[in-house]
Amino acid sequence: MRLSAQDRTALFIDGANLYAATRSLGFDIDYRRLLDYFGARTNLIRAYYYSALLET
């Protein structure tokens, strides 16, 4: 994927899925670095992190 500074970008992160994937692969995500990466390479306008809540 090629990124351009003119690209308007929004990140939509599926928290549960990303957590499960990184846990099974044995590493963690540094979300600040992830935002900085996209912010430095694109016109990052929004970042969303979605996670489900368990009802009790």
C-alpha atoms as a PDB file:
ATOM      1  CA  MET A   1       0.000   0.000   0.000  1.00  0.00           C
ATOM      2  CA  ARG A   2       1.371   3.383  -0.975  1.00  0.00           C
ATOM      3  CA  LEU A   3       0.638   6.291   1.310  1.00  0.00           C
ATOM      4  CA  SER A   4       0.698   9.924   0.342  1.00  0.00           C
ATOM      5  CA  ALA A   5       0.701  13.063   2.493  1.00  0.00           C
ATOM      6  CA  GLN A   6      -2.358  14.188   0.517  1.00  0.00           C
ATOM      7  CA  ASP A   7      -4.353  11.064   1.424  1.00  0.00           C
ATOM      8  CA  ARG A   8      -7.086  11.780   3.954  1.00  0.00           C
ATOM      9  CA  THR A   9      -6.967   8.829   6.304  1.00  0.00           C
ATOM     10  CA  ALA A  10      -9.148   7.454   9.069  1.00  0.00           C
ATOM     11  CA  LEU A  11      -8.137   4.425  11.132  1.00  0.00           C
ATOM     12  CA  PHE A  12     -10.797   2.013  12.353  1.00  0.00           C
ATOM     13  CA  ILE A  13      -9.272  -0.489  14.761  1.00  0.00           C
ATOM     14  CA  ASP A  14     -11.161  -3.622  15.778  1.00  0.00           C
ATOM     15  CA  GLY A  15      -9.776  -3.815  19.313  1.00  0.00           C
ATOM     16  CA  ALA A  16     -10.823  -7.371  20.175  1.00  0.00           C
ATOM     17  CA  ASN A  17      -9.594  -8.809  16.889  1.00  0.00           C
ATOM     18  CA  LEU A  18      -6.284  -6.942  16.955  1.00  0.00           C
ATOM     19  CA  TYR A  19      -5.714  -7.890  20.597  1.00  0.00           C
ATOM     20  CA  ALA A  20      -6.353 -11.586  19.853  1.00  0.00           C
ATOM     21  CA  ALA A  21      -4.075 -11.536  16.812  1.00  0.00           C
ATOM     22  CA  THR A  22      -1.176  -9.815  18.565  1.00  0.00           C
ATOM     23  CA  ARG A  23      -1.559 -12.044  21.613  1.00  0.00           C
ATOM     24  CA  SER A  24      -1.410 -15.205  19.495  1.00  0.00           C
ATOM     25  CA  LEU A  25       1.638 -13.849  17.636  1.00  0.00           C
ATOM     26  CA  GLY A  26       3.351 -12.871  20.878  1.00  0.00           C
ATOM     27  CA  PHE A  27       3.752  -9.109  20.560  1.00  0.00           C
ATOM     28  CA  ASP A  28       2.041  -5.869  21.568  1.00  0.00           C
ATOM     29  CA  ILE A  29       0.928  -2.856  19.551  1.00  0.00           C
ATOM     30  CA  ASP A  30       2.183   0.599  20.509  1.00  0.00           C
ATOM     31  CA  TYR A  31      -0.867   2.639  19.518  1.00  0.00           C
ATOM     32  CA  ARG A  32       0.968   5.968  19.850  1.00  0.00           C
ATOM     33  CA  ARG A  33       3.577   4.764  17.337  1.00  0.00           C
ATOM     34  CA  LEU A  34       0.812   3.485  15.042  1.00  0.00           C
ATOM     35  CA  LEU A  35      -0.871   6.915  15.081  1.00  0.00           C
ATOM     36  CA  ASP A  36       2.476   8.652  14.585  1.00  0.00           C
ATOM     37  CA  TYR A  37       3.258   6.371  11.617  1.00  0.00           C
ATOM     38  CA  PHE A  38       0.049   7.219   9.782  1.00  0.00           C
ATOM     39  CA  GLY A  39       0.138  10.857  10.903  1.00  0.00           C
ATOM     40  CA  ALA A  40       3.608  11.319   9.424  1.00  0.00           C
ATOM     41  CA  ARG A  41       2.705   9.704   6.090  1.00  0.00           C
ATOM     42  CA  THR A  42      -0.888  10.805   5.492  1.00  0.00           C
ATOM     43  CA  ASN A  43      -3.387  13.455   6.438  1.00  0.00           C
ATOM     44  CA  LEU A  44      -4.730  11.506   9.436  1.00  0.00           C
ATOM     45  CA  ILE A  45      -8.101  12.991  10.279  1.00  0.00           C
ATOM     46  CA  ARG A  46      -9.471  10.443  12.760  1.00  0.00           C
ATOM     47  CA  ALA A  47      -8.612   7.254  14.590  1.00  0.00           C
ATOM     48  CA  TYR A  48     -11.237   5.025  16.179  1.00  0.00           C
ATOM     49  CA  TYR A  49     -10.745   2.041  18.469  1.00  0.00           C
ATOM     50  CA  TYR A  50     -13.748  -0.229  18.811  1.00  0.00           C
ATOM     51  CA  SER A  51     -14.201  -2.791  21.527  1.00  0.00           C
ATOM     52  CA  ALA A  52     -17.183  -4.759  22.780  1.00  0.00           C
ATOM     53  CA  LEU A  53     -18.502  -4.576  26.315  1.00  0.00           C
ATOM     54  CA  LEU A  54     -19.563  -7.720  28.116  1.00  0.00           C
ATOM     55  CA  GLU A  55     -22.955  -7.566  29.746  1.00  0.00           C
ATOM     56  CA  THR A  56     -23.216  -9.153  33.162  1.00  0.00           C
END
